[in-house]
Structure formats: structure tokens, C-alpha cells
C-alpha atoms as a PDB file:
ATOM      1  CA  UNK A   1     120.118 135.816 -91.864  1.00  0.00           C
ATOM      2  CA  UNK A   2     117.424 137.730 -93.964  1.00  0.00           C
ATOM      3  CA  UNK A   3     118.943 140.967 -95.451  1.00  0.00           C
ATOM      4  CA  UNK A   4     116.942 144.176 -96.204  1.00  0.00           C
ATOM      5  CA  UNK A   5     117.082 143.907 -99.777  1.00  0.00           C
ATOM      6  CA  UNK A   6     113.298 144.187-101.028  1.00  0.00           C
ATOM      7  CA  UNK A   7     114.135 142.814-104.491  1.00  0.00           C
ATOM      8  CA  UNK A   8     110.922 141.478-105.682  1.00  0.00           C
ATOM      9  CA  UNK A   9     109.323 143.413-108.658  1.00  0.00           C
ATOM     10  CA  UNK A  10     110.919 146.652-107.463  1.00  0.00           C
ATOM     11  CA  UNK A  11     107.674 147.133-105.580  1.00  0.00           C
ATOM     12  CA  UNK A  12     105.311 147.384-108.553  1.00  0.00           C
ATOM     13  CA  UNK A  13     108.096 149.113-110.551  1.00  0.00           C
ATOM     14  CA  UNK A  14     108.102 152.056-107.997  1.00  0.00           C
ATOM     15  CA  UNK A  15     104.612 153.317-108.802  1.00  0.00           C
ATOM     16  CA  UNK A  16     105.505 153.334-112.397  1.00  0.00           C
ATOM     17  CA  UNK A  17     108.543 155.389-112.134  1.00  0.00           C
ATOM     18  CA  UNK A  18     110.569 156.259-109.079  1.00  0.00           C
ATOM     19  CA  UNK A  19     109.494 159.639-107.505  1.00  0.00           C
ATOM     20  CA  UNK A  20     106.365 159.624-109.686  1.00  0.00           C
ATOM     21  CA  UNK A  21     103.318 158.920-107.683  1.00  0.00           C
ATOM     22  CA  UNK A  22      99.659 158.784-108.395  1.00  0.00           C
ATOM     23  CA  UNK A  23      97.396 161.332-107.017  1.00  0.00           C
ATOM     24  CA  UNK A  24      95.741 160.168-103.744  1.00  0.00           C
ATOM     25  CA  UNK A  25      92.238 159.026-103.717  1.00  0.00           C
ATOM     26  CA  UNK A  26      91.151 162.462-102.011  1.00  0.00           C
ATOM     27  CA  UNK A  27      93.174 165.496-102.018  1.00  0.00           C
ATOM     28  CA  UNK A  28      92.192 168.272 -99.533  1.00  0.00           C
ATOM     29  CA  UNK A  29      93.328 171.732-100.448  1.00  0.00           C
ATOM     30  CA  UNK A  30      95.657 171.860 -97.700  1.00  0.00           C
ATOM     31  CA  UNK A  31      97.815 169.274 -99.574  1.00  0.00           C
ATOM     32  CA  UNK A  32      98.489 171.559-102.488  1.00  0.00           C
ATOM     33  CA  UNK A  33     101.010 173.805-100.347  1.00  0.00           C
ATOM     34  CA  UNK A  34      98.922 175.681 -97.949  1.00  0.00           C
ATOM     35  CA  UNK A  35     100.262 176.386 -94.566  1.00  0.00           C
ATOM     36  CA  UNK A  36      99.122 174.006 -91.699  1.00  0.00           C
ATOM     37  CA  UNK A  37      96.405 175.615 -89.610  1.00  0.00           C
ATOM     38  CA  UNK A  38      98.343 175.068 -86.422  1.00  0.00           C
ATOM     39  CA  UNK A  39     101.632 174.322 -84.946  1.00  0.00           C
ATOM     40  CA  UNK A  40     100.393 170.816 -83.912  1.00  0.00           C
ATOM     41  CA  UNK A  41     102.242 167.817 -85.063  1.00  0.00           C
ATOM     42  CA  UNK A  42     100.371 166.648 -88.244  1.00  0.00           C
ATOM     43  CA  UNK A  43     100.172 162.821 -87.975  1.00  0.00           C
ATOM     44  CA  UNK A  44      99.726 160.341 -90.921  1.00  0.00           C
ATOM     45  CA  UNK A  45      98.637 156.724 -90.171  1.00  0.00           C
ATOM     46  CA  UNK A  46      99.845 153.999 -92.174  1.00  0.00           C
ATOM     47  CA  UNK A  47      98.077 150.890 -91.642  1.00  0.00           C
ATOM     48  CA  UNK A  48      94.239 151.137 -90.571  1.00  0.00           C
ATOM     49  CA  UNK A  49      93.746 147.892 -88.865  1.00  0.00           C
ATOM     50  CA  UNK A  50      92.837 147.197 -85.153  1.00  0.00           C
ATOM     51  CA  UNK A  51      95.874 148.713 -83.613  1.00  0.00           C
ATOM     52  CA  UNK A  52      95.694 152.027 -85.503  1.00  0.00           C
ATOM     53  CA  UNK A  53      91.991 152.234 -84.419  1.00  0.00           C
ATOM     54  CA  UNK A  54      92.287 150.834 -81.040  1.00  0.00           C
ATOM     55  CA  UNK A  55      95.504 152.231 -79.836  1.00  0.00           C
ATOM     56  CA  UNK A  56      97.400 154.799 -81.914  1.00  0.00           C
ATOM     57  CA  UNK A  57      94.612 157.132 -83.290  1.00  0.00           C
ATOM     58  CA  UNK A  58      93.132 157.322 -79.597  1.00  0.00           C
ATOM     59  CA  UNK A  59      96.611 158.155 -78.392  1.00  0.00           C
ATOM     60  CA  UNK A  60      96.714 161.116 -80.792  1.00  0.00           C
ATOM     61  CA  UNK A  61      93.200 162.123 -79.607  1.00  0.00           C
ATOM     62  CA  UNK A  62      94.389 161.995 -75.890  1.00  0.00           C
ATOM     63  CA  UNK A  63      97.172 164.599 -76.914  1.00  0.00           C
ATOM     64  CA  UNK A  64      95.159 167.084 -79.123  1.00  0.00           C
ATOM     65  CA  UNK A  65      97.000 169.845 -77.628  1.00  0.00           C
ATOM     66  CA  UNK A  66     100.152 168.374 -79.292  1.00  0.00           C
ATOM     67  CA  UNK A  67      99.175 166.663 -82.327  1.00  0.00           C
ATOM     68  CA  UNK A  68      96.268 166.011 -84.792  1.00  0.00           C
ATOM     69  CA  UNK A  69      95.586 163.325 -87.274  1.00  0.00           C
ATOM     70  CA  UNK A  70      95.603 164.598 -91.220  1.00  0.00           C
ATOM     71  CA  UNK A  71      95.793 161.587 -93.147  1.00  0.00           C
ATOM     72  CA  UNK A  72      95.335 157.927 -93.497  1.00  0.00           C
ATOM     73  CA  UNK A  73      96.801 155.159 -95.809  1.00  0.00           C
ATOM     74  CA  UNK A  74      95.595 151.489 -96.083  1.00  0.00           C
ATOM     75  CA  UNK A  75      95.831 149.107 -99.028  1.00  0.00           C
ATOM     76  CA  UNK A  76      92.198 147.982 -98.221  1.00  0.00           C
ATOM     77  CA  UNK A  77      89.817 150.976 -98.924  1.00  0.00           C
ATOM     78  CA  UNK A  78      87.009 149.488 -96.681  1.00  0.00           C
ATOM     79  CA  UNK A  79      89.429 149.582 -93.714  1.00  0.00           C
ATOM     80  CA  UNK A  80      90.492 152.928 -94.437  1.00  0.00           C
ATOM     81  CA  UNK A  81      87.033 154.470 -94.925  1.00  0.00           C
ATOM     82  CA  UNK A  82      85.929 152.836 -91.678  1.00  0.00           C
ATOM     83  CA  UNK A  83      88.778 154.145 -89.893  1.00  0.00           C
ATOM     84  CA  UNK A  84      88.119 157.669 -91.400  1.00  0.00           C
ATOM     85  CA  UNK A  85      84.512 157.474 -89.802  1.00  0.00           C
ATOM     86  CA  UNK A  86      85.538 156.270 -86.661  1.00  0.00           C
ATOM     87  CA  UNK A  87      88.360 158.928 -86.188  1.00  0.00           C
ATOM     88  CA  UNK A  88      86.134 161.790 -87.280  1.00  0.00           C
ATOM     89  CA  UNK A  89      83.547 160.499 -84.690  1.00  0.00           C
ATOM     90  CA  UNK A  90      86.371 160.100 -82.010  1.00  0.00           C
ATOM     91  CA  UNK A  91      87.553 163.783 -82.553  1.00  0.00           C
ATOM     92  CA  UNK A  92      83.878 165.022 -82.698  1.00  0.00           C
ATOM     93  CA  UNK A  93      84.654 166.609 -85.918  1.00  0.00           C
ATOM     94  CA  UNK A  94      87.418 168.722 -84.647  1.00  0.00           C
ATOM     95  CA  UNK A  95      89.948 167.607 -87.445  1.00  0.00           C
ATOM     96  CA  UNK A  96      91.337 168.916 -90.610  1.00  0.00           C
ATOM     97  CA  UNK A  97      89.792 167.208 -93.707  1.00  0.00           C
ATOM     98  CA  UNK A  98      91.459 163.715 -93.734  1.00  0.00           C
ATOM     99  CA  UNK A  99      93.479 162.754 -96.825  1.00  0.00           C
ATOM    100  CA  UNK A 100      93.029 159.135 -97.810  1.00  0.00           C
ATOM    101  CA  UNK A 101      95.809 157.278 -99.637  1.00  0.00           C
ATOM    102  CA  UNK A 102      95.871 153.606-100.806  1.00  0.00           C
ATOM    103  CA  UNK A 103      99.513 153.824-101.336  1.00  0.00           C
ATOM    104  CA  UNK A 104     101.583 154.701 -98.293  1.00  0.00           C
ATOM    105  CA  UNK A 105     104.254 156.480-100.600  1.00  0.00           C
ATOM    106  CA  UNK A 106     101.621 158.963-101.467  1.00  0.00           C
ATOM    107  CA  UNK A 107     101.078 159.941 -97.811  1.00  0.00           C
ATOM    108  CA  UNK A 108     104.918 160.228 -97.377  1.00  0.00           C
ATOM    109  CA  UNK A 109     104.799 162.718-100.367  1.00  0.00           C
ATOM    110  CA  UNK A 110     102.210 164.802 -98.632  1.00  0.00           C
ATOM    111  CA  UNK A 111     104.233 167.886 -97.321  1.00  0.00           C
ATOM    112  CA  UNK A 112     101.628 168.611 -94.513  1.00  0.00           C
ATOM    113  CA  UNK A 113     102.465 165.548 -92.829  1.00  0.00           C
ATOM    114  CA  UNK A 114     105.267 165.911 -90.114  1.00  0.00           C
ATOM    115  CA  UNK A 115     105.184 162.275 -88.640  1.00  0.00           C
ATOM    116  CA  UNK A 116     103.942 158.954 -89.295  1.00  0.00           C
ATOM    117  CA  UNK A 117     102.465 156.085 -87.221  1.00  0.00           C
ATOM    118  CA  UNK A 118     103.226 152.847 -88.822  1.00  0.00           C
ATOM    119  CA  UNK A 119     100.748 150.156 -88.006  1.00  0.00           C
ATOM    120  CA  UNK A 120     101.235 147.484 -90.770  1.00  0.00           C
ATOM    121  CA  UNK A 121     101.959 143.919 -90.739  1.00  0.00           C
ATOM    122  CA  UNK A 122     105.504 143.164 -89.483  1.00  0.00           C
ATOM    123  CA  UNK A 123     107.207 142.486 -92.793  1.00  0.00           C
ATOM    124  CA  UNK A 124     106.549 146.014 -93.931  1.00  0.00           C
ATOM    125  CA  UNK A 125     108.069 147.699 -90.943  1.00  0.00           C
ATOM    126  CA  UNK A 126     111.488 148.249 -92.054  1.00  0.00           C
ATOM    127  CA  UNK A 127     110.825 149.388 -95.613  1.00  0.00           C
ATOM    128  CA  UNK A 128     108.083 152.009 -94.439  1.00  0.00           C
ATOM    129  CA  UNK A 129     110.426 153.284 -91.576  1.00  0.00           C
ATOM    130  CA  UNK A 130     113.349 153.963 -93.972  1.00  0.00           C
ATOM    131  CA  UNK A 131     111.044 155.441 -96.501  1.00  0.00           C
ATOM    132  CA  UNK A 132     109.345 157.735 -93.949  1.00  0.00           C
ATOM    133  CA  UNK A 133     112.895 158.802 -92.709  1.00  0.00           C
ATOM    134  CA  UNK A 134     114.041 159.589 -96.144  1.00  0.00           C
ATOM    135  CA  UNK A 135     110.892 161.575 -96.895  1.00  0.00           C
ATOM    136  CA  UNK A 136     111.582 163.713 -93.838  1.00  0.00           C
ATOM    137  CA  UNK A 137     108.994 162.244 -91.524  1.00  0.00           C
ATOM    138  CA  UNK A 138     109.515 161.499 -87.781  1.00  0.00           C
ATOM    139  CA  UNK A 139     108.465 157.793 -87.066  1.00  0.00           C
ATOM    140  CA  UNK A 140     106.529 155.888 -84.428  1.00  0.00           C
ATOM    141  CA  UNK A 141     106.383 152.316 -85.462  1.00  0.00           C
ATOM    142  CA  UNK A 142     104.453 149.409 -83.693  1.00  0.00           C
ATOM    143  CA  UNK A 143     106.490 146.563 -82.425  1.00  0.00           C
ATOM    144  CA  UNK A 144     108.302 144.469 -83.489  1.00  0.00           C
ATOM    145  CA  UNK A 145     110.593 146.737 -85.019  1.00  0.00           C
ATOM    146  CA  UNK A 146     111.538 144.555 -87.942  1.00  0.00           C
ATOM    147  CA  UNK A 147     111.845 140.951 -88.994  1.00  0.00           C
ATOM    148  CA  UNK A 148     115.597 140.587 -88.579  1.00  0.00           C
ATOM    149  CA  UNK A 149     118.538 142.047 -86.876  1.00  0.00           C
ATOM    150  CA  UNK A 150     119.861 143.307 -90.043  1.00  0.00           C
ATOM    151  CA  UNK A 151     116.904 145.092 -90.908  1.00  0.00           C
ATOM    152  CA  UNK A 152     116.590 146.516 -87.337  1.00  0.00           C
ATOM    153  CA  UNK A 153     120.149 147.886 -87.761  1.00  0.00           C
ATOM    154  CA  UNK A 154     119.527 149.378 -91.144  1.00  0.00           C
ATOM    155  CA  UNK A 155     116.588 151.392 -89.763  1.00  0.00           C
ATOM    156  CA  UNK A 156     118.908 152.729 -86.899  1.00  0.00           C
ATOM    157  CA  UNK A 157     121.621 153.701 -89.500  1.00  0.00           C
ATOM    158  CA  UNK A 158     119.108 155.651 -91.489  1.00  0.00           C
ATOM    159  CA  UNK A 159     117.586 157.304 -88.593  1.00  0.00           C
ATOM    160  CA  UNK A 160     120.968 158.355 -87.169  1.00  0.00           C
ATOM    161  CA  UNK A 161     121.924 159.708 -90.679  1.00  0.00           C
ATOM    162  CA  UNK A 162     118.687 161.701 -91.209  1.00  0.00           C
ATOM    163  CA  UNK A 163     118.324 162.738 -87.726  1.00  0.00           C
ATOM    164  CA  UNK A 164     114.602 161.828 -87.415  1.00  0.00           C
ATOM    165  CA  UNK A 165     112.713 161.413 -84.206  1.00  0.00           C
ATOM    166  CA  UNK A 166     112.174 157.624 -83.805  1.00  0.00           C
ATOM    167  CA  UNK A 167     109.995 155.600 -81.425  1.00  0.00           C
ATOM    168  CA  UNK A 168     109.060 152.006 -81.163  1.00  0.00           C
ATOM    169  CA  UNK A 169     105.637 151.468 -79.502  1.00  0.00           C
ATOM    170  CA  UNK A 170     104.610 148.979 -76.910  1.00  0.00           C
ATOM    171  CA  UNK A 171     101.340 149.792 -75.156  1.00  0.00           C
ATOM    172  CA  UNK A 172     102.205 147.932 -72.018  1.00  0.00           C
ATOM    173  CA  UNK A 173     104.669 150.928 -71.166  1.00  0.00           C
ATOM    174  CA  UNK A 174     102.320 153.601 -72.370  1.00  0.00           C
ATOM    175  CA  UNK A 175      98.882 152.320 -71.436  1.00  0.00           C
ATOM    176  CA  UNK A 176      97.071 154.786 -69.214  1.00  0.00           C
ATOM    177  CA  UNK A 177      95.670 154.371 -65.622  1.00  0.00           C
ATOM    178  CA  UNK A 178      92.689 152.602 -66.820  1.00  0.00           C
ATOM    179  CA  UNK A 179      94.761 149.770 -68.269  1.00  0.00           C
ATOM    180  CA  UNK A 180      97.721 147.475 -67.180  1.00  0.00           C
ATOM    181  CA  UNK A 181     100.482 150.172 -67.850  1.00  0.00           C
ATOM    182  CA  UNK A 182     100.807 151.244 -64.180  1.00  0.00           C
ATOM    183  CA  UNK A 183     100.832 147.624 -62.859  1.00  0.00           C
ATOM    184  CA  UNK A 184     103.695 146.876 -65.281  1.00  0.00           C
ATOM    185  CA  UNK A 185     105.633 149.895 -64.298  1.00  0.00           C
ATOM    186  CA  UNK A 186     105.321 149.025 -60.626  1.00  0.00           C
ATOM    187  CA  UNK A 187     106.631 145.394 -61.260  1.00  0.00           C
ATOM    188  CA  UNK A 188     109.441 146.814 -62.993  1.00  0.00           C
ATOM    189  CA  UNK A 189     110.206 149.213 -60.111  1.00  0.00           C
ATOM    190  CA  UNK A 190     110.123 146.250 -57.646  1.00  0.00           C
ATOM    191  CA  UNK A 191     112.586 144.289 -59.504  1.00  0.00           C
ATOM    192  CA  UNK A 192     114.941 147.181 -60.134  1.00  0.00           C
ATOM    193  CA  UNK A 193     114.773 148.070 -56.444  1.00  0.00           C
ATOM    194  CA  UNK A 194     115.653 144.679 -55.295  1.00  0.00           C
ATOM    195  CA  UNK A 195     112.377 144.290 -53.573  1.00  0.00           C
ATOM    196  CA  UNK A 196     111.985 140.738 -54.978  1.00  0.00           C
ATOM    197  CA  UNK A 197     115.483 139.735 -54.238  1.00  0.00           C
ATOM    198  CA  UNK A 198     117.845 138.378 -56.866  1.00  0.00           C
ATOM    199  CA  UNK A 199     116.054 137.545 -60.107  1.00  0.00           C
ATOM    200  CA  UNK A 200     117.477 134.368 -61.665  1.00  0.00           C
ATOM    201  CA  UNK A 201     114.855 133.556 -64.118  1.00  0.00           C
ATOM    202  CA  UNK A 202     111.739 135.072 -65.795  1.00  0.00           C
ATOM    203  CA  UNK A 203     109.114 133.128 -67.646  1.00  0.00           C
ATOM    204  CA  UNK A 204     106.348 134.632 -69.711  1.00  0.00           C
ATOM    205  CA  UNK A 205     103.164 132.875 -70.867  1.00  0.00           C
ATOM    206  CA  UNK A 206     100.956 133.651 -73.846  1.00  0.00           C
ATOM    207  CA  UNK A 207      97.171 132.709 -74.154  1.00  0.00           C
ATOM    208  CA  UNK A 208      96.145 130.662 -77.141  1.00  0.00           C
ATOM    209  CA  UNK A 209      94.570 132.283 -80.025  1.00  0.00           C
ATOM    210  CA  UNK A 210      90.797 131.550 -80.767  1.00  0.00           C
ATOM    211  CA  UNK A 211      90.160 129.061 -83.469  1.00  0.00           C
ATOM    212  CA  UNK A 212      89.988 130.260 -86.907  1.00  0.00           C
ATOM    213  CA  UNK A 213      86.576 129.874 -89.037  1.00  0.00           C
ATOM    214  CA  UNK A 214      86.678 126.598 -90.457  1.00  0.00           C
ATOM    215  CA  UNK A 215      84.719 127.366 -93.546  1.00  0.00           C
ATOM    216  CA  UNK A 216      87.391 129.871 -95.100  1.00  0.00           C
ATOM    217  CA  UNK A 217      89.017 128.639 -98.155  1.00  0.00           C
ATOM    218  CA  UNK A 218      92.670 128.885 -98.784  1.00  0.00           C
ATOM    219  CA  UNK A 219      92.219 130.741-102.067  1.00  0.00           C
ATOM    220  CA  UNK A 220      89.597 133.290-102.592  1.00  0.00           C
ATOM    221  CA  UNK A 221      88.824 136.110-105.025  1.00  0.00           C
ATOM    222  CA  UNK A 222      90.498 139.325-104.127  1.00  0.00           C
ATOM    223  CA  UNK A 223      88.010 141.907-102.766  1.00  0.00           C
ATOM    224  CA  UNK A 224      87.542 144.917-104.891  1.00  0.00           C
ATOM    225  CA  UNK A 225      88.349 147.215-102.051  1.00  0.00           C
ATOM    226  CA  UNK A 226      91.863 145.658-101.511  1.00  0.00           C
ATOM    227  CA  UNK A 227      95.048 146.383-103.636  1.00  0.00           C
ATOM    228  CA  UNK A 228      96.419 142.955-102.929  1.00  0.00           C
ATOM    229  CA  UNK A 229      99.563 143.744-105.077  1.00  0.00           C
ATOM    230  CA  UNK A 230     100.219 146.615-102.689  1.00  0.00           C
ATOM    231  CA  UNK A 231      99.482 144.582 -99.659  1.00  0.00           C
ATOM    232  CA  UNK A 232     102.092 142.061-100.674  1.00  0.00           C
ATOM    233  CA  UNK A 233     104.895 144.498-101.716  1.00  0.00           C
ATOM    234  CA  UNK A 234     108.130 142.666-101.728  1.00  0.00           C
ATOM    235  CA  UNK A 235     106.704 139.378-100.208  1.00  0.00           C
ATOM    236  CA  UNK A 236     106.502 136.183-102.263  1.00  0.00           C
ATOM    237  CA  UNK A 237     103.374 136.162-104.566  1.00  0.00           C
ATOM    238  CA  UNK A 238     100.646 133.942-102.958  1.00  0.00           C
ATOM    239  CA  UNK A 239      97.052 133.698-103.841  1.00  0.00           C
ATOM    240  CA  UNK A 240      94.657 135.837-101.794  1.00  0.00           C
ATOM    241  CA  UNK A 241      92.889 134.381 -98.678  1.00  0.00           C
ATOM    242  CA  UNK A 242      91.369 136.140 -95.739  1.00  0.00           C
ATOM    243  CA  UNK A 243      93.573 133.546 -93.675  1.00  0.00           C
ATOM    244  CA  UNK A 244      96.662 135.291 -95.218  1.00  0.00           C
ATOM    245  CA  UNK A 245      95.753 138.689 -94.759  1.00  0.00           C
ATOM    246  CA  UNK A 246      92.856 140.026 -92.534  1.00  0.00           C
ATOM    247  CA  UNK A 247      89.167 139.423 -92.160  1.00  0.00           C
ATOM    248  CA  UNK A 248      86.830 141.066 -94.480  1.00  0.00           C
ATOM    249  CA  UNK A 249      83.981 143.121 -93.350  1.00  0.00           C
ATOM    250  CA  UNK A 250      80.182 143.363 -94.378  1.00  0.00           C
ATOM    251  CA  UNK A 251      78.070 146.054 -95.823  1.00  0.00           C
ATOM    252  CA  UNK A 252      80.907 148.335 -96.104  1.00  0.00           C
ATOM    253  CA  UNK A 253      82.167 148.122 -92.572  1.00  0.00           C
ATOM    254  CA  UNK A 254      85.551 146.716 -91.925  1.00  0.00           C
ATOM    255  CA  UNK A 255      86.215 143.677 -89.606  1.00  0.00           C
ATOM    256  CA  UNK A 256      88.947 144.408 -87.046  1.00  0.00           C
ATOM    257  CA  UNK A 257      89.515 140.732 -85.982  1.00  0.00           C
ATOM    258  CA  UNK A 258      93.056 139.277 -85.343  1.00  0.00           C
ATOM    259  CA  UNK A 259      94.648 139.095 -88.745  1.00  0.00           C
ATOM    260  CA  UNK A 260      95.986 135.856 -90.303  1.00  0.00           C
ATOM    261  CA  UNK A 261      99.328 137.212 -91.253  1.00  0.00           C
ATOM    262  CA  UNK A 262     100.431 137.027 -87.782  1.00  0.00           C
ATOM    263  CA  UNK A 263     100.905 133.236 -88.098  1.00  0.00           C
ATOM    264  CA  UNK A 264     102.610 133.207 -91.420  1.00  0.00           C
ATOM    265  CA  UNK A 265     106.448 133.129 -91.449  1.00  0.00           C
ATOM    266  CA  UNK A 266     107.021 135.377 -94.546  1.00  0.00           C
ATOM    267  CA  UNK A 267     104.968 138.023 -92.999  1.00  0.00           C
ATOM    268  CA  UNK A 268     105.515 137.804 -89.198  1.00  0.00           C
ATOM    269  CA  UNK A 269     107.553 136.088 -86.513  1.00  0.00           C
ATOM    270  CA  UNK A 270     104.418 134.976 -85.036  1.00  0.00           C
ATOM    271  CA  UNK A 271     103.075 135.476 -81.497  1.00  0.00           C
ATOM    272  CA  UNK A 272     106.551 135.537 -79.746  1.00  0.00           C
ATOM    273  CA  UNK A 273     106.881 138.967 -81.382  1.00  0.00           C
ATOM    274  CA  UNK A 274     103.274 140.163 -81.677  1.00  0.00           C
ATOM    275  CA  UNK A 275     102.231 139.363 -77.987  1.00  0.00           C
ATOM    276  CA  UNK A 276     105.449 138.036 -76.538  1.00  0.00           C
ATOM    277  CA  UNK A 277     107.308 141.191 -77.471  1.00  0.00           C
ATOM    278  CA  UNK A 278     105.217 143.029 -74.828  1.00  0.00           C
ATOM    279  CA  UNK A 279     106.280 140.649 -72.012  1.00  0.00           C
ATOM    280  CA  UNK A 280     110.009 140.436 -73.150  1.00  0.00           C
ATOM    281  CA  UNK A 281     110.221 144.272 -73.249  1.00  0.00           C
ATOM    282  CA  UNK A 282     108.823 144.423 -69.719  1.00  0.00           C
ATOM    283  CA  UNK A 283     111.359 141.906 -68.759  1.00  0.00           C
ATOM    284  CA  UNK A 284     114.433 143.938 -70.115  1.00  0.00           C
ATOM    285  CA  UNK A 285     112.882 146.960 -68.630  1.00  0.00           C
ATOM    286  CA  UNK A 286     112.759 145.376 -65.207  1.00  0.00           C
ATOM    287  CA  UNK A 287     116.312 144.125 -65.367  1.00  0.00           C
ATOM    288  CA  UNK A 288     117.575 147.395 -66.521  1.00  0.00           C
ATOM    289  CA  UNK A 289     118.853 145.644 -69.736  1.00  0.00           C
ATOM    290  CA  UNK A 290     117.219 148.015 -72.219  1.00  0.00           C
ATOM    291  CA  UNK A 291     120.554 149.219 -73.716  1.00  0.00           C
ATOM    292  CA  UNK A 292     122.210 145.838 -73.876  1.00  0.00           C
ATOM    293  CA  UNK A 293     119.609 143.220 -74.853  1.00  0.00           C
ATOM    294  CA  UNK A 294     119.770 139.601 -74.169  1.00  0.00           C
ATOM    295  CA  UNK A 295     123.100 137.708 -74.528  1.00  0.00           C
ATOM    296  CA  UNK A 296     121.776 134.627 -76.135  1.00  0.00           C
ATOM    297  CA  UNK A 297     118.207 133.923 -77.807  1.00  0.00           C
ATOM    298  CA  UNK A 298     117.097 130.400 -78.494  1.00  0.00           C
ATOM    299  CA  UNK A 299     113.441 129.388 -79.650  1.00  0.00           C
ATOM    300  CA  UNK A 300     111.411 127.197 -81.820  1.00  0.00           C
ATOM    301  CA  UNK A 301     108.020 127.529 -83.358  1.00  0.00           C
ATOM    302  CA  UNK A 302     105.733 125.686 -85.826  1.00  0.00           C
ATOM    303  CA  UNK A 303     103.916 127.892 -88.279  1.00  0.00           C
ATOM    304  CA  UNK A 304     100.579 126.481 -89.702  1.00  0.00           C
ATOM    305  CA  UNK A 305     100.805 125.709 -93.429  1.00  0.00           C
ATOM    306  CA  UNK A 306      98.810 128.234 -95.346  1.00  0.00           C
END
């Protein structure tokens, strides 16, 4: 079983020294100790990909009476600045000045951030959840929680010891009336109330991913907007390719297509975790087994060679 050790390179030597962080790319005056302009929850976004822009930031926007976005972090500056522009447009300018950080640890050092939403590749979840809790931030993390059971238990231990508020996100439970959320809730209610009789077996199906571009090489130059060392973090060192990370945009605008890391075993558990987790969660919900989980798990999959 994979352990939560994070041993490779001490993650870029801990930003040169433990606790010594470089200044962020942009430092609004509020970061330098000013009181927050309101009692709203001040949210920092870690990871500026398609889930952050398509689900999590709009979720904050829908609850502006409770929270607002104050900071963004991503290893890819192009993605971060594109998300910055989209966020400002979504909120119609009704935002504090957004702080931008290419290192998530700098965002965690921002004293004005109360809570973080973690929307990064799967292999980063455990470390970032632990770091956020130890930095005094409440945490919302996208599913899957972590890569292994031991990592998940380590997160639970840290959250219990720090007393931070913690939530794992899966939009099939939280989607609004215009999407599929209410339908899943109704299905779960039918099962729990016995309206379908005794449930002996639940099967889930996942659609096929679209084919990847055939002309992308397995080794490419690292874009000047991407800090690839920070993207890798503790993962094994491999040559850069869009097929290993995420699609690159053009003309300064990011591409938020499905990322390649989802089908690489070092970075993800594949589609059973990234899409299957939604349906498995609904099954657990319907069976009233959220506190117990499955008795036995078995499965196999073939990851493409990259």
C-alpha cells in the first residue's frame, strides 16, 4: 500500500528553506495585514483547471452572501490568469483584488485566506489537505480524497487534531435544479425508502473518453508559463508532455480540455476515481452505507503507456 511519505527532493527543498516562501506574483495590500473588508469567508482556490472554473468558483459566486474568492494558485500562469479574468467577469467586478500565487504554499501563508478549495491532480490532494489544515485553513477538496487508504486516514487524523472544517466535493450531490443533482437525490430516496424493493446489485457505467490528439509527442519543451517542477512535486521525474499534464492554450488563453494526468497511474487512479467516484458515491448514499463503506473492493484496469 502506498504510504504518505512524500520523500522525493523534499519538494524543491521546501522553497529553499522550510517556512521561507517567496513573495507571490501579485501582492494586494490586504495581504500585508489589513482587516478583511467583510465577515465573508475568504476563499483561496488551489488549482485553476476546468473543475475550479466550471464548478467551484461558480459555487462561491452562487453564495456571495457567505463567501468570496480572494486568491488563486496554479503552477501554470496561463491557466491562473485566464481563471482570474473569468472570475472577475463572473463576479462582475464585485471582488477584492485577487492575489495570484504560482506556489500553493504561498497562498496558504496568506493570512487573509480563511478556507481553500483544492482542485488539483489526485496525487496532490493528500499533501495539500494536510498543509492547508496545518496552516489554519478550512478545506474543501475535490474527489477523490487521496490516492490510497493510508493517505486518506492521514488526512482524517490531521483534520481531527487541528479541528478544521473539512469537506469532500462531488457535484452529483450538490448540483442545482438545472442539472442532475435532484435526480440523483430522488433515486437515492427511492432506494432508501424501499420503493424499488430489495437491492441486491448496483452496476455503474462510464462513457469512453474522446480520442487523444494523434500528433502530440511524448516529450515536449516545457512551456514558459508552467513551473513543471512544482507541478510534479513529489511525483517521479518524467519528461514533460501535454499528454502527461494538461492541454496548453493559445494566444494567452488556457485550454481546459480533459487533462492527460487522469490516465497516468502515478498521478491518478483513472476514471474509476475521476468519474466512477460520483456514481459509487450515489450508490453508497442510496444504500445508507456512507459511514461504513464497502466490505470488499476488487477491480483491474490497464493504464496507457506514456
